[in-house]
Structure formats: C-alpha cells, structure tokens
Amino acid sequence: MISFGIVFIIIVNLIYGQFNLYYTDLINKNSLYHDCLQYNSVNYVKVLGIDSRFPNPYQIIPYCLRPFSEEEWVDTVIVHDNIVSNLTFDELKTMNVTGRDLLSWSASIDLVERYENYLNDLEIDSKFDRFYNCTPLWFGTFCQFTFDSDQLFDDIVEETFEKKDVEYIGTSPDIQSHLDITNLTCYLHIQCNRGPSPMCLDWREICDGRIDCLGDGIDEMNCLQLEINECESNEYRCHNGMCIPEDFVNDHAYNTDCLDRTDENNFDELKIGRSFGFTFCYQDPTFRCEESDHFFGLRGFVCGDGQNIKMQTAFAMNFDATSYLYCKNRRNEIMWKSTLSNIQHSWN
C-alpha cells in the first residue's frame, strides 16, 4: 500500500501544479506570518514594455497568511478526504525517498529541511514526523489549502492581477467583479480614525502633507523626525529620510529603492513614460508598485495598491478620463461613502 501511495503522488505531481510552502513551522500565536508561497516576478513594465537600458531586477515576493490578532488564528483541522496517505520519515527513508522527491510532491520547505537533517542523522527524534500526501489540487502540511486550479503559482498571481483591469462604464462599475479579487491593505501601527470600515489608512498617506486621520491628524505627526534623519557617508538620503546605498542611486528608471522614489532623478526623458507606466500599477505586484509611492507633481488620490488617481494626466493627454479618475479597487468610492457617513453622523 505504501508503494502504491508513492507511485500515485509521483503521477499526481507530474500532472498538477507544485506548491512548496515556506515557514510552516512558524505556526504559533507570536508569529507575524506563516504558510507562505513565493512568487518569482517576471517584472515586466506595464504598457511600456522592456527598456534595454535597464535590466529587470530579480524579485521574489512572499504571499503569506498574516493574522492581525489571536482571534484571527484558526486551528488546523485535518480533513482526511484531502489526504491519500501519510508516511513517517522512517518509512520514507526505508523507501529511499529523497528531499528532492518531497519537493516534487509539494511538501513544505520546512518539512524537507527537517527530513534532510533526519537522513543526515542530525534530527534522529524526527523519525516519527509525518508527510501527508495530498489528493490532486490540495497542498499544505495537512493538505488544508487549495486554489482549485492546476496552474503554477506564478500564473495564478499574474492572472489575478490581470483580472483587476475591470473598466468603469460611466459611473456604474462592475461592483462584484472588483470585490471578488481585491482587498484593501491597512497600516495598523498607528491608531488612525479613517472613518467607517472598510476604509483605513494606507502607508502612503503618512507624512504626505495632508491630514487623513480624523480628529487628531496623527498621520502627520513627527514627520520632521523622518526628514532630518542622517545617513552614513556611503549612503544616499531619500527625501523621506530613508537611507539607501549610494550605488543604488539612478541605477534604474523603472525600479526605485527609495520608498518615495526620490533616488531616480537623472531620467527626465522618461518621466512622462514612467507616469503612464505606473498608471497600471494596480496590475503589478512588484516592489515598484506595492512598496513605493510614485507621484509626479501634484499629489493625487492614493488607491492603496500602487495606482494613483491624477485628473490632470487624463485631461492633459486627451484620454478617456474615466480610466484615470477611479481606483480599480474602488477605494475612492469607499472613501466617499465614509465621508458622507461622517457628515450624516455629525448632523444627527
């Protein structure tokens, strides 16, 4: 029976996608993240294509479960219908299974490392640790996850971001298609009253010269401390006070290292092109969109996923303004509803 199980998982993973989770051993109520999949970004520049002057940097992006509180922790329940068989490390060793075999069978990276240590007599006590062989399309330490797809994870990520290109028709967007694939991210390290949920503070709205937190304006406090920060002699100081190595300055027009993008200033001929390229950041999961604040000239409305609404761009270039005046994730609409709710509350 064991031999059949091994043959079966070899056949299964030749047919279906392979998902190797990282940090599965971090599952405790003190960890900030666990059960991560890593996306290898192709890192193309939306619309503009590849510029031969700037090689694409190598980026690995982790997608993890990140519980915000103990209440959000869910105890793992083993669903036996998702498991073909489970084998101890000792049984795997007897059958001459290697760590490479386990990787091809969608075992987690942590489990493979523990198994390799067991084979090398470094973790003898692990002989009774178990590997759960999942049914097709299921993966995880206890076969608890599925995408209901046999695609590679890279393809799933790219397809998800591509689907975010839902156009507005007049003022009536396809509401359900947006909400099905988009969640807003929130900066939780300061207590900000941004209005009724789901509206919340985006990190790009901190120290941007405009008060976003109602009542106390805490998002604009102590900003001077950031700007007067001093860097080392071999570092470049970004406008927001962040320090980066001098070698990273003006090295790539499309991929900045400063969160405020102030380290790439020697490419004036690309400013318009960059502006239009970053217009499509809502479809780009890479650092230049998810982890940077890229506005040119006047500050627009921050959509929270890299997109930045700038009315003057649409009108000045004679484009269809509806493509540029709305957040693809509808954060601007959520903001208006939050504002109207506060106005109504103040009148009651």
Protein backbone atom coordinates (compact mmCIF):
# COMPACT_ATOMS: atom_id res chain seq x y z
CA MET A 1 0.00 0.00 0.00
CA ILE A 2 2.81 2.42 0.79
CA SER A 3 4.49 1.73 -2.52
CA PHE A 4 1.24 2.49 -4.33
CA GLY A 5 0.96 5.78 -2.45
CA ILE A 6 4.45 6.83 -3.52
CA VAL A 7 3.79 5.94 -7.16
CA PHE A 8 0.48 7.81 -7.01
CA ILE A 9 1.95 11.09 -5.77
CA ILE A 10 4.66 10.95 -8.42
CA ILE A 11 1.97 10.68 -11.10
CA VAL A 12 -0.21 13.36 -9.47
CA ASN A 13 2.53 15.97 -9.36
CA LEU A 14 3.54 15.35 -12.96
CA ILE A 15 0.01 16.41 -13.85
CA TYR A 16 -0.84 19.11 -11.32
CA GLY A 17 0.90 22.25 -10.08
CA GLN A 18 3.59 22.14 -7.39
CA PHE A 19 3.17 24.30 -4.28
CA ASN A 20 6.00 24.35 -1.71
CA LEU A 21 5.06 26.39 1.34
CA TYR A 22 7.66 28.28 3.38
CA TYR A 23 7.55 28.99 7.13
CA THR A 24 5.04 26.30 8.01
CA ASP A 25 6.88 25.74 11.31
CA LEU A 26 6.16 29.33 12.38
CA ILE A 27 2.57 28.50 13.24
CA ASN A 28 2.20 29.99 16.71
CA LYS A 29 0.34 32.97 18.06
CA ASN A 30 3.52 35.08 18.30
CA SER A 31 4.49 34.89 14.62
CA LEU A 32 3.64 37.68 12.19
CA TYR A 33 3.24 35.37 9.22
CA HIS A 34 3.27 31.70 8.24
CA ASP A 35 2.47 29.35 5.36
CA CYS A 36 4.00 31.43 2.56
CA LEU A 37 4.19 30.86 -1.18
CA GLN A 38 6.81 32.74 -3.16
CA TYR A 39 6.13 34.44 -6.47
CA ASN A 40 9.01 34.83 -8.92
CA SER A 41 8.17 38.08 -10.66
CA VAL A 42 8.65 38.34 -14.40
CA ASN A 43 8.88 42.06 -13.64
CA TYR A 44 7.77 43.49 -16.94
CA VAL A 45 6.82 47.17 -17.11
CA LYS A 46 3.14 47.53 -17.89
CA VAL A 47 2.38 49.19 -21.25
CA LEU A 48 5.91 50.48 -21.82
CA GLY A 49 7.48 47.07 -22.29
CA ILE A 50 11.13 46.28 -21.61
CA ASP A 51 13.76 49.03 -21.89
CA SER A 52 17.11 47.52 -22.90
CA ARG A 53 18.98 50.11 -20.84
CA PHE A 54 17.59 48.77 -17.60
CA PRO A 55 17.87 45.03 -16.86
CA ASN A 56 14.99 43.62 -14.86
CA PRO A 57 15.89 43.07 -11.20
CA TYR A 58 15.26 39.66 -9.71
CA GLN A 59 12.34 39.80 -7.28
CA ILE A 60 10.85 37.11 -5.06
CA ILE A 61 7.57 38.17 -3.46
CA PRO A 62 6.14 36.20 -0.50
CA TYR A 63 2.40 35.70 -0.10
CA CYS A 64 1.70 34.61 3.48
CA LEU A 65 -1.08 34.16 5.99
CA ARG A 66 -0.75 37.18 8.29
CA PRO A 67 -3.16 37.13 11.25
CA PHE A 68 -3.64 40.52 12.91
CA SER A 69 -4.71 39.14 16.29
CA GLU A 70 -5.14 35.90 18.24
CA GLU A 71 -8.83 35.95 17.32
CA GLU A 72 -7.88 35.50 13.66
CA TRP A 73 -5.90 32.34 14.31
CA VAL A 74 -7.64 29.22 13.08
CA ASP A 75 -6.57 25.84 14.42
CA THR A 76 -5.63 23.47 11.61
CA VAL A 77 -8.15 20.67 11.15
CA ILE A 78 -7.04 17.60 9.24
CA VAL A 79 -9.57 16.80 6.51
CA HIS A 80 -8.92 13.17 5.71
CA ASP A 81 -10.74 13.39 2.39
CA ASN A 82 -7.87 15.56 1.12
CA ILE A 83 -5.18 13.02 2.11
CA VAL A 84 -4.19 9.96 0.10
CA SER A 85 -1.77 8.61 2.72
CA ASN A 86 0.64 9.78 5.40
CA LEU A 87 4.15 8.42 5.85
CA THR A 88 6.65 8.80 8.68
CA PHE A 89 10.19 9.98 7.99
CA ASP A 90 11.36 6.48 8.89
CA GLU A 91 9.06 4.95 6.27
CA LEU A 92 10.20 7.48 3.66
CA LYS A 93 13.85 6.67 4.40
CA THR A 94 13.19 2.93 4.06
CA MET A 95 11.76 3.58 0.60
CA ASN A 96 14.82 5.68 -0.39
CA VAL A 97 12.76 8.83 -0.80
CA THR A 98 14.95 11.94 -1.12
CA GLY A 99 14.33 15.55 -0.21
CA ARG A 100 14.10 16.35 -3.92
CA ASP A 101 11.29 13.79 -4.20
CA LEU A 102 9.38 15.50 -1.40
CA LEU A 103 9.78 18.88 -3.09
CA SER A 104 8.28 17.50 -6.28
CA TRP A 105 5.34 16.23 -4.19
CA SER A 106 4.54 19.73 -2.86
CA ALA A 107 5.99 19.15 0.60
CA SER A 108 6.75 22.31 2.58
CA ILE A 109 10.30 23.66 2.66
CA ASP A 110 10.44 23.31 6.45
CA LEU A 111 9.42 19.65 6.26
CA VAL A 112 12.00 18.91 3.55
CA GLU A 113 14.75 20.55 5.62
CA ARG A 114 13.78 18.51 8.68
CA TYR A 115 13.71 15.33 6.60
CA GLU A 116 17.16 16.06 5.13
CA ASN A 117 18.50 16.59 8.66
CA TYR A 118 16.95 13.28 9.68
CA LEU A 119 18.64 11.50 6.75
CA ASN A 120 21.95 13.01 7.85
CA ASP A 121 21.42 11.87 11.45
CA LEU A 122 21.07 15.46 12.65
CA GLU A 123 17.49 15.10 13.90
CA ILE A 124 17.07 11.49 15.00
CA ASP A 125 13.96 12.33 17.00
CA SER A 126 12.16 13.26 13.75
CA LYS A 127 11.73 9.66 12.63
CA PHE A 128 8.04 9.76 13.54
CA ASP A 129 7.37 13.11 11.85
CA ARG A 130 4.84 12.64 9.07
CA PHE A 131 4.49 13.71 5.46
CA TYR A 132 0.88 13.98 4.28
CA ASN A 133 0.36 13.00 0.65
CA CYS A 134 -2.46 15.20 -0.67
CA THR A 135 -5.14 14.50 -3.23
CA PRO A 136 -4.97 16.48 -6.50
CA LEU A 137 -5.13 20.28 -6.17
CA TRP A 138 -4.62 20.21 -2.37
CA PHE A 139 -1.40 21.12 -0.56
CA GLY A 140 -0.11 22.21 2.84
CA THR A 141 1.22 20.48 5.95
CA PHE A 142 -2.16 18.78 6.45
CA CYS A 143 -3.48 19.22 2.90
CA GLN A 144 -5.60 22.14 4.07
CA PHE A 145 -5.11 24.53 1.11
CA THR A 146 -6.25 24.59 -2.50
CA PHE A 147 -6.60 27.08 -5.36
CA ASP A 148 -8.97 24.74 -7.20
CA SER A 149 -6.55 25.05 -10.10
CA ASP A 150 -3.71 23.05 -11.59
CA GLN A 151 -1.86 26.22 -12.67
CA LEU A 152 1.56 27.18 -11.38
CA PHE A 153 1.50 29.73 -8.56
CA ASP A 154 3.27 32.35 -10.72
CA ASP A 155 0.50 32.01 -13.30
CA ILE A 156 -2.20 32.29 -10.61
CA VAL A 157 -0.70 35.55 -9.29
CA GLU A 158 -0.32 37.08 -12.74
CA GLU A 159 -3.82 36.06 -13.80
CA THR A 160 -5.30 37.53 -10.60
CA PHE A 161 -3.62 40.88 -11.18
CA GLU A 162 -4.60 40.90 -14.86
CA LYS A 163 -8.25 40.43 -13.87
CA LYS A 164 -8.14 43.68 -11.95
CA ASP A 165 -8.46 45.55 -15.26
CA VAL A 166 -12.23 45.97 -14.96
CA GLU A 167 -13.28 49.14 -16.72
CA TYR A 168 -15.85 51.59 -15.43
CA ILE A 169 -18.85 52.17 -17.69
CA GLY A 170 -19.92 55.71 -17.00
CA THR A 171 -20.41 55.84 -13.24
CA SER A 172 -21.63 52.25 -12.81
CA PRO A 173 -18.70 49.92 -12.19
CA ASP A 174 -18.97 46.16 -12.14
CA ILE A 175 -19.02 46.11 -8.34
CA GLN A 176 -18.98 42.38 -7.71
CA SER A 177 -16.03 41.65 -10.02
CA HIS A 178 -13.92 44.20 -8.12
CA LEU A 179 -14.74 42.96 -4.66
CA ASP A 180 -14.17 39.32 -5.58
CA ILE A 181 -10.46 39.81 -6.24
CA THR A 182 -9.43 42.92 -4.30
CA ASN A 183 -8.83 43.61 -0.63
CA LEU A 184 -7.64 46.89 0.83
CA THR A 185 -4.47 46.86 2.89
CA CYS A 186 -4.29 48.84 6.12
CA TYR A 187 -1.42 50.39 8.08
CA LEU A 188 -2.07 49.28 11.65
CA HIS A 189 0.93 50.61 13.57
CA ILE A 190 -0.82 53.86 14.45
CA GLN A 191 -4.39 54.22 15.72
CA CYS A 192 -6.00 56.17 12.88
CA ASN A 193 -9.67 57.08 12.60
CA ARG A 194 -10.12 56.95 8.82
CA GLY A 195 -13.87 56.60 9.01
CA PRO A 196 -16.19 53.58 8.94
CA SER A 197 -14.79 50.20 7.87
CA PRO A 198 -13.52 49.09 5.40
CA MET A 199 -11.85 52.50 4.93
CA CYS A 200 -8.45 52.59 6.61
CA LEU A 201 -5.07 54.30 6.43
CA ASP A 202 -2.63 53.38 3.66
CA TRP A 203 1.07 53.78 4.47
CA ARG A 204 1.49 56.16 1.52
CA GLU A 205 -0.83 58.63 3.29
CA ILE A 206 1.55 59.04 6.24
CA CYS A 207 3.55 62.28 6.24
CA ASP A 208 2.31 63.26 2.79
CA GLY A 209 1.39 66.82 3.81
CA ARG A 210 -2.32 66.08 4.07
CA ILE A 211 -4.25 65.05 7.19
CA ASP A 212 -6.12 61.79 6.67
CA CYS A 213 -6.78 60.61 10.25
CA LEU A 214 -9.92 62.28 11.59
CA GLY A 215 -9.76 64.22 14.83
CA ASP A 216 -6.09 64.13 15.81
CA GLY A 217 -4.27 64.06 12.45
CA ILE A 218 -1.83 61.52 13.84
CA ASP A 219 -0.72 60.56 10.31
CA GLU A 220 1.10 63.92 10.01
CA MET A 221 2.74 63.96 13.43
CA ASN A 222 6.51 63.75 14.00
CA CYS A 223 7.20 63.87 10.25
CA LEU A 224 10.12 66.22 10.78
CA GLN A 225 11.95 63.42 12.57
CA LEU A 226 11.93 61.44 9.35
CA GLU A 227 13.17 64.30 7.22
CA ILE A 228 16.10 65.24 9.47
CA ASN A 229 17.39 61.68 9.66
CA GLU A 230 21.11 61.47 8.82
CA CYS A 231 22.62 58.73 6.65
CA GLU A 232 26.12 57.25 6.53
CA SER A 233 28.76 58.74 4.22
CA ASN A 234 28.33 55.90 1.70
CA GLU A 235 24.55 56.19 1.67
CA TYR A 236 22.02 58.32 -0.15
CA ARG A 237 19.32 60.05 1.84
CA CYS A 238 15.85 59.84 0.30
CA HIS A 239 13.55 62.83 0.67
CA ASN A 240 11.56 60.99 3.35
CA GLY A 241 14.71 60.29 5.40
CA MET A 242 15.21 56.70 4.30
CA CYS A 243 18.83 55.66 3.64
CA ILE A 244 19.96 53.51 0.72
CA PRO A 245 23.44 52.58 -0.62
CA GLU A 246 24.84 55.20 -3.00
CA ASP A 247 25.28 52.53 -5.67
CA PHE A 248 21.50 52.26 -5.92
CA VAL A 249 21.05 55.90 -6.96
CA ASN A 250 20.00 56.49 -10.58
CA ASP A 251 20.52 52.84 -11.47
CA HIS A 252 17.06 52.00 -12.84
CA ALA A 253 14.39 54.40 -14.08
CA TYR A 254 11.52 51.99 -13.51
CA ASN A 255 12.60 50.36 -10.23
CA THR A 256 13.39 52.68 -7.37
CA ASP A 257 14.92 51.87 -4.00
CA CYS A 258 13.60 54.83 -2.01
CA LEU A 259 10.01 54.30 -0.93
CA ASP A 260 9.26 57.86 -2.09
CA ARG A 261 11.07 57.23 -5.43
CA THR A 262 13.47 60.15 -4.98
CA ASP A 263 16.58 58.17 -5.95
CA GLU A 264 15.87 58.13 -9.69
CA ASN A 265 16.15 61.71 -10.98
CA ASN A 266 18.52 61.50 -13.97
CA PHE A 267 15.99 60.24 -16.48
CA ASP A 268 13.97 63.34 -17.36
CA GLU A 269 13.12 61.99 -20.80
CA LEU A 270 11.34 59.05 -19.14
CA LYS A 271 9.20 60.99 -16.67
CA ILE A 272 6.10 61.03 -18.86
CA GLY A 273 6.60 57.42 -19.86
CA ARG A 274 7.11 56.35 -16.27
CA SER A 275 3.98 58.19 -15.25
CA PHE A 276 1.85 56.28 -17.74
CA GLY A 277 3.58 53.00 -16.91
CA PHE A 278 2.79 53.42 -13.23
CA THR A 279 -0.81 54.25 -14.07
CA PHE A 280 -1.23 50.50 -14.38
CA CYS A 281 0.30 49.64 -11.01
CA TYR A 282 -2.94 48.04 -9.85
CA GLN A 283 -1.96 45.13 -12.11
CA ASP A 284 1.66 44.94 -10.98
CA PRO A 285 2.64 43.06 -7.76
CA THR A 286 6.31 44.09 -7.84
CA PHE A 287 8.22 46.40 -5.48
CA ARG A 288 7.98 49.45 -7.74
CA CYS A 289 4.21 49.46 -7.25
CA GLU A 290 3.40 47.68 -3.99
CA GLU A 291 6.26 49.14 -1.94
CA SER A 292 6.80 52.63 -3.36
CA ASP A 293 4.95 55.90 -3.58
CA HIS A 294 5.24 57.23 -7.10
CA PHE A 295 3.55 60.54 -7.71
CA PHE A 296 4.76 63.18 -10.14
CA GLY A 297 3.99 66.78 -9.35
CA LEU A 298 0.65 67.22 -7.59
CA ARG A 299 -0.46 64.55 -5.18
CA GLY A 300 -3.41 62.53 -6.42
CA PHE A 301 -5.66 60.17 -4.51
CA VAL A 302 -3.90 57.07 -3.19
CA CYS A 303 -5.71 53.88 -4.20
CA GLY A 304 -3.65 51.69 -1.86
CA ASP A 305 -2.37 49.19 -4.42
CA GLY A 306 0.07 51.37 -6.37
CA GLN A 307 -2.48 53.16 -8.51
CA ASN A 308 -2.63 56.92 -8.03
CA ILE A 309 -5.51 58.98 -9.41
CA LYS A 310 -4.32 62.09 -11.20
CA MET A 311 -7.02 64.00 -13.04
CA GLN A 312 -4.61 66.34 -14.80
CA THR A 313 -2.93 63.42 -16.57
CA ALA A 314 -6.14 62.20 -18.20
CA PHE A 315 -7.35 65.62 -19.30
CA ALA A 316 -3.96 66.95 -20.42
CA MET A 317 -3.27 63.95 -22.63
CA ASN A 318 -6.85 63.91 -24.02
CA PHE A 319 -7.54 60.37 -22.80
CA ASP A 320 -10.81 58.89 -21.64
CA ALA A 321 -10.88 60.33 -18.15
CA THR A 322 -12.98 57.52 -16.68
CA SER A 323 -9.95 55.22 -16.90
CA TYR A 324 -7.91 57.58 -14.72
CA LEU A 325 -10.41 59.08 -12.28
CA TYR A 326 -11.33 55.88 -10.46
CA CYS A 327 -9.39 53.39 -8.38
CA LYS A 328 -9.69 49.96 -9.91
CA ASN A 329 -10.20 48.58 -6.38
CA ARG A 330 -12.86 51.28 -5.76
CA ARG A 331 -11.05 52.76 -2.75
CA ASN A 332 -12.10 56.25 -3.88
CA GLU A 333 -15.73 55.16 -3.76
CA ILE A 334 -15.25 53.68 -0.29
CA MET A 335 -13.67 56.99 0.76
CA TRP A 336 -16.67 59.00 -0.44
CA LYS A 337 -19.09 56.70 1.38
CA SER A 338 -17.01 57.07 4.53
CA THR A 339 -17.03 60.87 4.20
CA LEU A 340 -20.80 61.00 3.64
CA SER A 341 -21.35 58.72 6.63
CA ASN A 342 -19.37 61.10 8.86
CA ILE A 343 -21.29 64.12 7.56
CA GLN A 344 -24.63 62.42 8.23
CA HIS A 345 -23.47 61.42 11.69
CA SER A 346 -22.43 64.99 12.55
CA TRP A 347 -25.88 66.28 11.59
CA ASN A 348 -27.73 63.75 13.73
